[in-house]
C-alpha atoms as a PDB file:
ATOM      1  CA  MET A   1      42.969 175.599  -3.292  1.00  0.00           C
ATOM      2  CA  GLU A   2      42.058 175.345  -6.972  1.00  0.00           C
ATOM      3  CA  GLN A   3      42.747 171.614  -6.984  1.00  0.00           C
ATOM      4  CA  TRP A   4      40.122 171.035  -4.255  1.00  0.00           C
ATOM      5  CA  ILE A   5      37.217 172.560  -6.187  1.00  0.00           C
ATOM      6  CA  PRO A   6      36.842 169.629  -8.631  1.00  0.00           C
ATOM      7  CA  VAL A   7      37.165 167.135  -5.774  1.00  0.00           C
ATOM      8  CA  ILE A   8      34.386 168.853  -3.823  1.00  0.00           C
ATOM      9  CA  GLY A   9      32.264 168.954  -6.977  1.00  0.00           C
ATOM     10  CA  GLU A  10      32.758 165.258  -7.647  1.00  0.00           C
ATOM     11  CA  VAL A  11      32.414 164.038  -4.078  1.00  0.00           C
ATOM     12  CA  GLY A  12      29.795 166.547  -2.897  1.00  0.00           C
ATOM     13  CA  PHE A  13      26.978 165.271  -5.097  1.00  0.00           C
ATOM     14  CA  PRO A  14      27.212 161.648  -3.927  1.00  0.00           C
ATOM     15  CA  ILE A  15      27.355 162.821  -0.312  1.00  0.00           C
ATOM     16  CA  VAL A  16      24.217 164.918  -0.741  1.00  0.00           C
ATOM     17  CA  ILE A  17      22.355 162.027  -2.397  1.00  0.00           C
ATOM     18  CA  THR A  18      23.502 159.621   0.325  1.00  0.00           C
ATOM     19  CA  MET A  19      22.319 161.945   3.090  1.00  0.00           C
ATOM     20  CA  TYR A  20      18.948 162.403   1.357  1.00  0.00           C
ATOM     21  CA  LEU A  21      18.452 158.656   1.022  1.00  0.00           C
ATOM     22  CA  LEU A  22      19.506 157.982   4.619  1.00  0.00           C
ATOM     23  CA  ILE A  23      17.028 160.545   5.916  1.00  0.00           C
ATOM     24  CA  ARG A  24      14.219 159.013   3.855  1.00  0.00           C
ATOM     25  CA  ILE A  25      15.107 155.474   4.909  1.00  0.00           C
ATOM     26  CA  GLU A  26      15.253 156.531   8.570  1.00  0.00           C
ATOM     27  CA  GLY A  27      11.619 157.656   8.465  1.00  0.00           C
ATOM     28  CA  LYS A  28      10.517 154.465   6.756  1.00  0.00           C
ATOM     29  CA  LEU A  29      12.414 152.333   9.275  1.00  0.00           C
ATOM     30  CA  GLU A  30      10.638 154.104  12.119  1.00  0.00           C
ATOM     31  CA  VAL A  31       7.242 153.368  10.555  1.00  0.00           C
ATOM     32  CA  LEU A  32       8.262 149.746   9.993  1.00  0.00           C
ATOM     33  CA  SER A  33       9.428 149.413  13.593  1.00  0.00           C
ATOM     34  CA  ASN A  34       6.121 150.784  14.879  1.00  0.00           C
ATOM     35  CA  SER A  35       4.196 148.372  12.650  1.00  0.00           C
ATOM     36  CA  ILE A  36       6.193 145.418  13.949  1.00  0.00           C
ATOM     37  CA  SER A  37       5.509 146.486  17.542  1.00  0.00           C
ATOM     38  CA  GLU A  38       1.781 146.744  16.846  1.00  0.00           C
ATOM     39  CA  LEU A  39       1.810 143.340  15.175  1.00  0.00           C
ATOM     40  CA  THR A  40       3.599 141.826  18.166  1.00  0.00           C
ATOM     41  CA  ASN A  41       0.996 143.297  20.506  1.00  0.00           C
ATOM     42  CA  SER A  42      -1.835 141.986  18.320  1.00  0.00           C
ATOM     43  CA  ILE A  43      -0.374 138.485  18.264  1.00  0.00           C
ATOM     44  CA  SER A  44       0.070 138.529  22.049  1.00  0.00           C
ATOM     45  CA  THR A  45      -3.554 139.583  22.467  1.00  0.00           C
ATOM     46  CA  MET A  46      -4.751 136.824  20.130  1.00  0.00           C
ATOM     47  CA  LYS A  47      -2.786 134.168  22.050  1.00  0.00           C
ATOM     48  CA  ARG A  48      -4.420 135.212  25.328  1.00  0.00           C
ATOM     49  CA  SER A  49      -7.937 134.879  23.915  1.00  0.00           C
END
């Protein structure tokens, strides 16, 4: 069991940072996706006019 403590310490930090970054990126991707959808709708409306 003692040999696992350093491994968890070394690997745990990168995992926590990765999860944090993925959560942040997920929110930004959702905003970007919504913006692209709105832009598509705007372009479609402009073509009809």
